[in-house]
PDB file of N, CA and C in Angstrom:
ATOM      1  N   MET A   1     -15.526 -97.446  32.032  1.00  0.00           N
ATOM      2  CA  MET A   1     -16.216 -95.862  32.856  1.00  0.00           C
ATOM      3  C   MET A   1     -16.625 -95.012  31.315  1.00  0.00           C
ATOM      4  N   SER A   2     -17.682 -94.357  31.718  1.00  0.00           N
ATOM      5  CA  SER A   2     -17.990 -93.275  30.831  1.00  0.00           C
ATOM      6  C   SER A   2     -17.277 -92.538  31.510  1.00  0.00           C
ATOM      7  N   LYS A   3     -16.679 -91.099  31.291  1.00  0.00           N
ATOM      8  CA  LYS A   3     -16.477 -90.013  31.437  1.00  0.00           C
ATOM      9  C   LYS A   3     -17.587 -89.293  32.396  1.00  0.00           C
ATOM     10  N   THR A   4     -18.672 -89.209  31.974  1.00  0.00           N
ATOM     11  CA  THR A   4     -20.187 -88.292  32.769  1.00  0.00           C
ATOM     12  C   THR A   4     -20.144 -89.676  34.306  1.00  0.00           C
ATOM     13  N   ASP A   5     -20.160 -90.714  33.879  1.00  0.00           N
ATOM     14  CA  ASP A   5     -19.454 -92.027  35.389  1.00  0.00           C
ATOM     15  C   ASP A   5     -18.784 -91.376  35.916  1.00  0.00           C
ATOM     16  N   GLN A   6     -17.706 -90.993  36.076  1.00  0.00           N
ATOM     17  CA  GLN A   6     -15.859 -90.949  36.741  1.00  0.00           C
ATOM     18  C   GLN A   6     -17.086 -89.662  37.667  1.00  0.00           C
ATOM     19  N   ALA A   7     -17.336 -88.646  36.564  1.00  0.00           N
ATOM     20  CA  ALA A   7     -17.720 -87.179  37.158  1.00  0.00           C
ATOM     21  C   ALA A   7     -18.188 -87.320  37.765  1.00  0.00           C
ATOM     22  N   THR A   8     -19.869 -88.613  37.996  1.00  0.00           N
ATOM     23  CA  THR A   8     -20.709 -88.445  38.431  1.00  0.00           C
ATOM     24  C   THR A   8     -20.283 -89.340  40.398  1.00  0.00           C
ATOM     25  N   LEU A   9     -19.325 -90.189  39.888  1.00  0.00           N
ATOM     26  CA  LEU A   9     -19.006 -90.160  40.976  1.00  0.00           C
ATOM     27  C   LEU A   9     -18.054 -89.804  42.257  1.00  0.00           C
ATOM     28  N   ARG A  10     -16.991 -89.091  41.436  1.00  0.00           N
ATOM     29  CA  ARG A  10     -16.135 -88.256  41.945  1.00  0.00           C
ATOM     30  C   ARG A  10     -17.296 -86.978  42.687  1.00  0.00           C
ATOM     31  N   MET A  11     -18.515 -86.299  42.344  1.00  0.00           N
ATOM     32  CA  MET A  11     -19.279 -85.637  43.014  1.00  0.00           C
ATOM     33  C   MET A  11     -19.661 -85.809  43.931  1.00  0.00           C
ATOM     34  N   ALA A  12     -20.101 -87.754  43.893  1.00  0.00           N
ATOM     35  CA  ALA A  12     -20.740 -88.085  45.084  1.00  0.00           C
ATOM     36  C   ALA A  12     -19.915 -88.217  45.722  1.00  0.00           C
ATOM     37  N   ALA A  13     -18.522 -88.758  45.359  1.00  0.00           N
ATOM     38  CA  ALA A  13     -17.807 -88.317  46.756  1.00  0.00           C
ATOM     39  C   ALA A  13     -17.354 -87.337  47.616  1.00  0.00           C
ATOM     40  N   ILE A  14     -17.386 -86.420  46.496  1.00  0.00           N
ATOM     41  CA  ILE A  14     -16.786 -85.280  46.999  1.00  0.00           C
ATOM     42  C   ILE A  14     -18.314 -84.521  48.179  1.00  0.00           C
ATOM     43  N   ALA A  15     -19.353 -84.765  47.958  1.00  0.00           N
ATOM     44  CA  ALA A  15     -20.397 -84.560  48.951  1.00  0.00           C
ATOM     45  C   ALA A  15     -20.285 -85.728  49.971  1.00  0.00           C
ATOM     46  N   ALA A  16     -19.722 -87.077  49.865  1.00  0.00           N
ATOM     47  CA  ALA A  16     -19.497 -87.681  51.160  1.00  0.00           C
ATOM     48  C   ALA A  16     -19.170 -87.125  52.131  1.00  0.00           C
ATOM     49  N   VAL A  17     -18.047 -86.639  51.251  1.00  0.00           N
ATOM     50  CA  VAL A  17     -16.845 -86.345  52.457  1.00  0.00           C
ATOM     51  C   VAL A  17     -17.677 -85.297  53.190  1.00  0.00           C
ATOM     52  N   ILE A  18     -17.416 -84.384  52.172  1.00  0.00           N
ATOM     53  CA  ILE A  18     -18.683 -82.609  52.868  1.00  0.00           C
ATOM     54  C   ILE A  18     -19.716 -82.588  53.940  1.00  0.00           C
ATOM     55  N   ALA A  19     -20.399 -83.948  53.469  1.00  0.00           N
ATOM     56  CA  ALA A  19     -21.710 -84.340  54.879  1.00  0.00           C
ATOM     57  C   ALA A  19     -21.168 -84.687  55.687  1.00  0.00           C
ATOM     58  N   GLU A  20     -19.969 -85.623  55.761  1.00  0.00           N
ATOM     59  CA  GLU A  20     -19.746 -86.313  56.940  1.00  0.00           C
ATOM     60  C   GLU A  20     -18.495 -85.488  57.557  1.00  0.00           C
ATOM     61  N   VAL A  21     -17.750 -84.546  57.118  1.00  0.00           N
ATOM     62  CA  VAL A  21     -17.279 -83.261  57.817  1.00  0.00           C
ATOM     63  C   VAL A  21     -17.735 -82.446  58.374  1.00  0.00           C
ATOM     64  N   THR A  22     -19.759 -82.026  57.980  1.00  0.00           N
ATOM     65  CA  THR A  22     -20.103 -81.217  58.794  1.00  0.00           C
ATOM     66  C   THR A  22     -21.003 -81.846  60.052  1.00  0.00           C
ATOM     67  N   GLN A  23     -20.869 -82.697  59.673  1.00  0.00           N
ATOM     68  CA  GLN A  23     -21.430 -83.673  60.696  1.00  0.00           C
ATOM     69  C   GLN A  23     -20.842 -83.943  62.304  1.00  0.00           C
ATOM     70  N   GLN A  24     -19.327 -83.995  62.034  1.00  0.00           N
ATOM     71  CA  GLN A  24     -19.015 -84.111  62.888  1.00  0.00           C
ATOM     72  C   GLN A  24     -18.727 -82.872  63.887  1.00  0.00           C
ATOM     73  N   GLY A  25     -19.518 -81.970  63.829  1.00  0.00           N
ATOM     74  CA  GLY A  25     -19.455 -80.592  64.580  1.00  0.00           C
ATOM     75  C   GLY A  25     -18.748 -79.393  64.344  1.00  0.00           C
ATOM     76  N   ASP A  26     -17.248 -79.468  65.029  1.00  0.00           N
ATOM     77  CA  ASP A  26     -16.702 -78.252  64.574  1.00  0.00           C
ATOM     78  C   ASP A  26     -15.454 -78.823  63.815  1.00  0.00           C
ATOM     79  N   ASP A  27     -15.575 -77.638  62.588  1.00  0.00           N
ATOM     80  CA  ASP A  27     -14.408 -77.494  61.372  1.00  0.00           C
ATOM     81  C   ASP A  27     -12.886 -77.232  62.144  1.00  0.00           C
ATOM     82  N   PRO A  28     -12.651 -78.221  61.899  1.00  0.00           N
ATOM     83  CA  PRO A  28     -11.303 -78.792  62.004  1.00  0.00           C
ATOM     84  C   PRO A  28     -10.286 -77.280  61.448  1.00  0.00           C
ATOM     85  N   GLY A  29     -10.682 -76.606  60.223  1.00  0.00           N
ATOM     86  CA  GLY A  29     -10.052 -75.160  60.292  1.00  0.00           C
ATOM     87  C   GLY A  29     -10.947 -74.367  60.912  1.00  0.00           C
ATOM     88  N   GLN A  30     -11.409 -74.458  61.749  1.00  0.00           N
ATOM     89  CA  GLN A  30     -11.906 -73.288  62.610  1.00  0.00           C
ATOM     90  C   GLN A  30     -11.425 -73.260  64.564  1.00  0.00           C
ATOM     91  N   ILE A  31     -10.377 -74.390  64.722  1.00  0.00           N
ATOM     92  CA  ILE A  31     -10.337 -74.446  65.805  1.00  0.00           C
ATOM     93  C   ILE A  31      -9.687 -73.312  66.625  1.00  0.00           C
ATOM     94  N   ALA A  32      -8.917 -73.366  65.622  1.00  0.00           N
ATOM     95  CA  ALA A  32      -7.135 -71.705  65.860  1.00  0.00           C
ATOM     96  C   ALA A  32      -7.808 -70.581  66.005  1.00  0.00           C
ATOM     97  N   ARG A  33      -9.407 -70.630  65.540  1.00  0.00           N
ATOM     98  CA  ARG A  33      -9.827 -68.950  65.662  1.00  0.00           C
ATOM     99  C   ARG A  33     -10.365 -68.651  66.781  1.00  0.00           C
ATOM    100  N   GLN A  34     -10.678 -69.752  67.998  1.00  0.00           N
ATOM    101  CA  GLN A  34     -11.132 -69.921  69.120  1.00  0.00           C
ATOM    102  C   GLN A  34     -10.449 -69.230  69.791  1.00  0.00           C
ATOM    103  N   PRO A  35     -10.796 -68.739  70.809  1.00  0.00           N
ATOM    104  CA  PRO A  35      -9.588 -68.251  71.615  1.00  0.00           C
ATOM    105  C   PRO A  35      -9.104 -69.514  72.601  1.00  0.00           C
ATOM    106  N   GLY A  36      -9.872 -70.022  73.129  1.00  0.00           N
ATOM    107  CA  GLY A  36      -9.129 -70.878  74.076  1.00  0.00           C
ATOM    108  C   GLY A  36      -9.914 -70.596  75.294  1.00  0.00           C
ATOM    109  N   LEU A  37      -9.037 -71.574  76.336  1.00  0.00           N
ATOM    110  CA  LEU A  37      -9.384 -71.455  77.850  1.00  0.00           C
ATOM    111  C   LEU A  37      -8.352 -70.113  78.440  1.00  0.00           C
ATOM    112  N   ALA A  38      -9.558 -69.624  79.091  1.00  0.00           N
ATOM    113  CA  ALA A  38      -8.438 -68.609  80.239  1.00  0.00           C
ATOM    114  C   ALA A  38      -6.944 -68.421  80.398  1.00  0.00           C
ATOM    115  N   TRP A  39      -6.882 -69.993  80.668  1.00  0.00           N
ATOM    116  CA  TRP A  39      -5.569 -69.519  81.067  1.00  0.00           C
ATOM    117  C   TRP A  39      -4.551 -69.166  79.700  1.00  0.00           C
ATOM    118  N   SER A  40      -4.864 -69.911  78.690  1.00  0.00           N
ATOM    119  CA  SER A  40      -4.283 -69.617  77.172  1.00  0.00           C
ATOM    120  C   SER A  40      -4.692 -68.047  76.530  1.00  0.00           C
ATOM    121  N   GLN A  41      -5.709 -67.480  76.689  1.00  0.00           N
ATOM    122  CA  GLN A  41      -5.852 -66.407  76.507  1.00  0.00           C
ATOM    123  C   GLN A  41      -5.173 -65.426  77.264  1.00  0.00           C
ATOM    124  N   ASP A  42      -4.981 -65.520  78.491  1.00  0.00           N
ATOM    125  CA  ASP A  42      -4.094 -65.011  79.896  1.00  0.00           C
ATOM    126  C   ASP A  42      -3.164 -64.822  79.564  1.00  0.00           C
ATOM    127  N   HIS A  43      -1.649 -66.518  79.316  1.00  0.00           N
ATOM    128  CA  HIS A  43      -0.863 -66.043  78.699  1.00  0.00           C
ATOM    129  C   HIS A  43       0.096 -65.588  77.147  1.00  0.00           C
ATOM    130  N   ARG A  44      -1.204 -65.688  76.567  1.00  0.00           N
ATOM    131  CA  ARG A  44      -0.933 -64.793  75.319  1.00  0.00           C
ATOM    132  C   ARG A  44      -0.513 -63.672  75.210  1.00  0.00           C
ATOM    133  N   ARG A  45      -1.754 -62.921  76.260  1.00  0.00           N
ATOM    134  CA  ARG A  45      -1.702 -61.428  76.808  1.00  0.00           C
ATOM    135  C   ARG A  45      -0.231 -61.026  77.378  1.00  0.00           C
ATOM    136  N   ILE A  46      -0.091 -61.639  78.350  1.00  0.00           N
ATOM    137  CA  ILE A  46       1.351 -61.815  79.085  1.00  0.00           C
ATOM    138  C   ILE A  46       2.635 -61.113  78.482  1.00  0.00           C
ATOM    139  N   ASN A  47       2.854 -62.051  77.441  1.00  0.00           N
ATOM    140  CA  ASN A  47       3.864 -62.965  76.290  1.00  0.00           C
ATOM    141  C   ASN A  47       3.693 -61.607  75.593  1.00  0.00           C
ATOM    142  N   THR A  48       2.910 -60.939  74.814  1.00  0.00           N
ATOM    143  CA  THR A  48       2.619 -59.765  73.743  1.00  0.00           C
ATOM    144  C   THR A  48       2.779 -58.531  74.415  1.00  0.00           C
ATOM    145  N   GLY A  49       2.884 -58.439  75.808  1.00  0.00           N
ATOM    146  CA  GLY A  49       3.135 -57.110  76.744  1.00  0.00           C
ATOM    147  C   GLY A  49       1.783 -56.481  76.644  1.00  0.00           C
ATOM    148  N   GLN A  50       0.896 -57.154  77.588  1.00  0.00           N
ATOM    149  CA  GLN A  50      -0.584 -56.813  77.672  1.00  0.00           C
ATOM    150  C   GLN A  50      -1.171 -57.007  78.887  1.00  0.00           C
ATOM    151  N   SER A  51      -1.685 -56.070  79.483  1.00  0.00           N
ATOM    152  CA  SER A  51      -2.042 -56.521  81.099  1.00  0.00           C
ATOM    153  C   SER A  51      -3.238 -58.311  80.310  1.00  0.00           C
ATOM    154  N   SER A  52      -3.367 -58.367  82.318  1.00  0.00           N
ATOM    155  CA  SER A  52      -3.308 -59.731  81.925  1.00  0.00           C
ATOM    156  C   SER A  52      -5.276 -59.486  81.761  1.00  0.00           C
ATOM    157  N   LEU A  53      -5.754 -61.187  82.066  1.00  0.00           N
ATOM    158  CA  LEU A  53      -6.745 -61.297  81.515  1.00  0.00           C
ATOM    159  C   LEU A  53      -7.856 -60.380  82.980  1.00  0.00           C
ATOM    160  N   MET A  54      -7.579 -61.122  83.889  1.00  0.00           N
ATOM    161  CA  MET A  54      -7.818 -60.797  84.899  1.00  0.00           C
ATOM    162  C   MET A  54      -8.016 -59.013  85.233  1.00  0.00           C
ATOM    163  N   HIS A  55      -6.824 -58.272  84.912  1.00  0.00           N
ATOM    164  CA  HIS A  55      -7.000 -57.140  84.747  1.00  0.00           C
ATOM    165  C   HIS A  55      -8.256 -56.155  83.275  1.00  0.00           C
ATOM    166  N   ARG A  56      -7.651 -57.177  82.498  1.00  0.00           N
ATOM    167  CA  ARG A  56      -8.836 -56.379  81.595  1.00  0.00           C
ATOM    168  C   ARG A  56     -10.247 -56.735  81.592  1.00  0.00           C
ATOM    169  N   ARG A  57     -10.872 -57.833  82.678  1.00  0.00           N
ATOM    170  CA  ARG A  57     -11.968 -57.915  82.696  1.00  0.00           C
ATOM    171  C   ARG A  57     -13.062 -57.046  84.113  1.00  0.00           C
ATOM    172  N   ALA A  58     -11.443 -57.014  84.630  1.00  0.00           N
ATOM    173  CA  ALA A  58     -12.374 -56.066  85.598  1.00  0.00           C
ATOM    174  C   ALA A  58     -11.694 -54.422  85.786  1.00  0.00           C
ATOM    175  N   SER A  59     -11.743 -53.577  84.361  1.00  0.00           N
ATOM    176  CA  SER A  59     -11.421 -52.706  83.965  1.00  0.00           C
ATOM    177  C   SER A  59     -12.377 -52.243  83.693  1.00  0.00           C
ATOM    178  N   ARG A  60     -12.853 -50.584  84.287  1.00  0.00           N
ATOM    179  CA  ARG A  60     -14.172 -50.255  83.671  1.00  0.00           C
ATOM    180  C   ARG A  60     -13.995 -50.411  82.102  1.00  0.00           C
ATOM    181  N   SER A  61     -15.982 -50.433  81.781  1.00  0.00           N
ATOM    182  CA  SER A  61     -16.058 -50.309  80.341  1.00  0.00           C
ATOM    183  C   SER A  61     -16.100 -48.702  79.795  1.00  0.00           C
ATOM    184  N   PRO A  62     -15.715 -48.727  78.535  1.00  0.00           N
ATOM    185  CA  PRO A  62     -15.831 -46.834  78.296  1.00  0.00           C
ATOM    186  C   PRO A  62     -17.782 -47.022  77.782  1.00  0.00           C
ATOM    187  N   TRP A  63     -18.131 -48.143  77.258  1.00  0.00           N
ATOM    188  CA  TRP A  63     -19.076 -48.156  77.047  1.00  0.00           C
ATOM    189  C   TRP A  63     -20.249 -47.492  78.285  1.00  0.00           C
ATOM    190  N   LYS A  64     -20.116 -47.553  79.508  1.00  0.00           N
ATOM    191  CA  LYS A  64     -21.405 -47.302  80.718  1.00  0.00           C
ATOM    192  C   LYS A  64     -21.024 -45.665  80.583  1.00  0.00           C
TER     193      LYS A  64
END
């Protein structure tokens, strides 16, 4: 095989992998950026010393 054939095959393989990953829906690299379930959010808030999620949702908004 010549160098151009190898480069073409490599680009086609990369494009096929990218197409397959985007068809699956959620990008695995972005899953950790999602807030998660309410229980998980509340647990993280309490562990970091913040008020509970229920208290945060029930408090008045400064935009009203």
